[in-house]
């Protein structure tokens, strides 16, 4: 499965989830069997070779229609900001679907 995240840096340990318009880089996480097996980075979310099933955003007020048009499920990480926290919240179903 592929998770798409707008991040403020490519540094995997220090990068934080940021608002879509403030994203300096996009991270695409490949999650298999509850583990992150690969992290890819791109300047724009459309540059990834593989299709992302989910996009994770900071809050409900983000403009997410481009992702919805690509049939991505939008998840909101209200308190999680670091990659490890986001993946853990995803696995334990603590990320919420966007309220339209």
Protein backbone atom coordinates (compact mmCIF):
# COMPACT_ATOMS: atom_id res chain seq x y z
CA UNK A 1 0.00 0.00 0.00
CA UNK A 2 1.13 3.54 -0.76
CA UNK A 3 0.67 6.53 1.55
CA UNK A 4 1.30 10.04 0.24
CA UNK A 5 2.47 12.75 2.67
CA UNK A 6 3.23 16.46 2.19
CA UNK A 7 6.43 17.04 4.16
CA UNK A 8 8.67 19.96 5.12
CA UNK A 9 11.95 18.07 4.48
CA UNK A 10 13.46 14.92 2.93
CA UNK A 11 15.14 14.02 6.23
CA UNK A 12 13.16 10.92 7.21
CA UNK A 13 13.87 11.30 10.94
CA UNK A 14 13.19 15.02 11.22
CA UNK A 15 10.62 15.69 8.47
CA UNK A 16 7.19 16.80 9.62
CA UNK A 17 3.81 16.61 7.97
CA UNK A 18 2.84 20.03 6.67
CA UNK A 19 -0.04 21.69 4.87
CA UNK A 20 -0.34 20.81 1.19
CA UNK A 21 0.49 24.35 0.04
CA UNK A 22 3.55 24.48 2.31
CA UNK A 23 5.01 21.13 1.21
CA UNK A 24 8.66 21.34 0.25
CA UNK A 25 8.70 17.68 -0.74
CA UNK A 26 6.23 14.81 -1.02
CA UNK A 27 6.94 11.45 0.56
CA UNK A 28 5.41 8.24 -0.70
CA UNK A 29 5.60 5.47 1.88
CA UNK A 30 5.38 1.85 0.84
CA UNK A 31 3.82 -0.06 3.74
CA UNK A 32 3.76 -3.87 3.72
CA UNK A 33 2.82 -6.14 6.60
CA UNK A 34 2.70 -3.24 9.03
CA UNK A 35 6.18 -1.92 8.18
CA UNK A 36 7.51 0.88 6.04
CA UNK A 37 9.63 -0.89 3.44
CA UNK A 38 10.43 2.09 1.24
CA UNK A 39 10.21 5.89 1.28
CA UNK A 40 10.37 7.82 -1.98
CA UNK A 41 10.52 11.59 -2.38
CA UNK A 42 9.43 13.95 -5.15
CA UNK A 43 8.93 17.69 -5.54
CA UNK A 44 5.36 17.18 -6.77
CA UNK A 45 2.89 14.48 -5.77
CA UNK A 46 2.16 13.62 -9.41
CA UNK A 47 5.78 12.59 -10.08
CA UNK A 48 5.60 9.19 -8.39
CA UNK A 49 5.70 6.12 -10.59
CA UNK A 50 3.20 4.19 -8.45
CA UNK A 51 -0.30 5.31 -7.62
CA UNK A 52 -0.94 6.26 -3.97
CA UNK A 53 -4.04 4.83 -2.37
CA UNK A 54 -4.08 7.30 0.52
CA UNK A 55 -3.04 10.88 1.11
CA UNK A 56 -2.52 12.09 4.68
CA UNK A 57 -3.19 15.76 5.47
CA UNK A 58 -2.88 17.96 8.57
CA UNK A 59 -6.48 19.06 9.00
CA UNK A 60 -9.98 19.03 7.55
CA UNK A 61 -9.59 22.43 5.89
CA UNK A 62 -7.04 21.29 3.29
CA UNK A 63 -7.96 21.54 -0.40
CA UNK A 64 -7.96 17.86 -1.40
CA UNK A 65 -10.10 17.68 -4.55
CA UNK A 66 -7.16 16.85 -6.83
CA UNK A 67 -6.53 13.73 -4.73
CA UNK A 68 -10.19 12.79 -4.63
CA UNK A 69 -10.28 13.04 -8.43
CA UNK A 70 -7.54 10.39 -8.47
CA UNK A 71 -9.71 8.23 -6.18
CA UNK A 72 -7.34 8.53 -3.23
CA UNK A 73 -8.78 8.18 0.24
CA UNK A 74 -7.98 11.28 2.30
CA UNK A 75 -6.91 10.68 5.90
CA UNK A 76 -6.38 13.40 8.50
CA UNK A 77 -3.57 13.30 11.06
CA UNK A 78 -4.79 15.83 13.60
CA UNK A 79 -1.90 15.38 16.03
CA UNK A 80 0.65 13.14 14.30
CA UNK A 81 3.42 14.96 12.44
CA UNK A 82 6.38 12.57 12.09
CA UNK A 83 6.48 9.61 9.69
CA UNK A 84 6.73 6.97 12.42
CA UNK A 85 3.77 8.46 14.30
CA UNK A 86 1.67 8.68 11.14
CA UNK A 87 2.38 5.07 10.15
CA UNK A 88 1.61 3.86 13.66
CA UNK A 89 -1.64 5.84 13.71
CA UNK A 90 -2.56 4.43 10.30
CA UNK A 91 -1.92 0.84 11.41
CA UNK A 92 -3.99 1.31 14.56
CA UNK A 93 -6.73 3.08 12.58
CA UNK A 94 -6.27 6.35 14.49
CA UNK A 95 -6.23 8.52 11.37
CA UNK A 96 -9.65 9.85 10.49
CA UNK A 97 -11.26 10.04 7.08
CA UNK A 98 -11.80 13.57 5.88
CA UNK A 99 -15.22 14.98 6.80
CA UNK A 100 -16.68 16.58 3.68
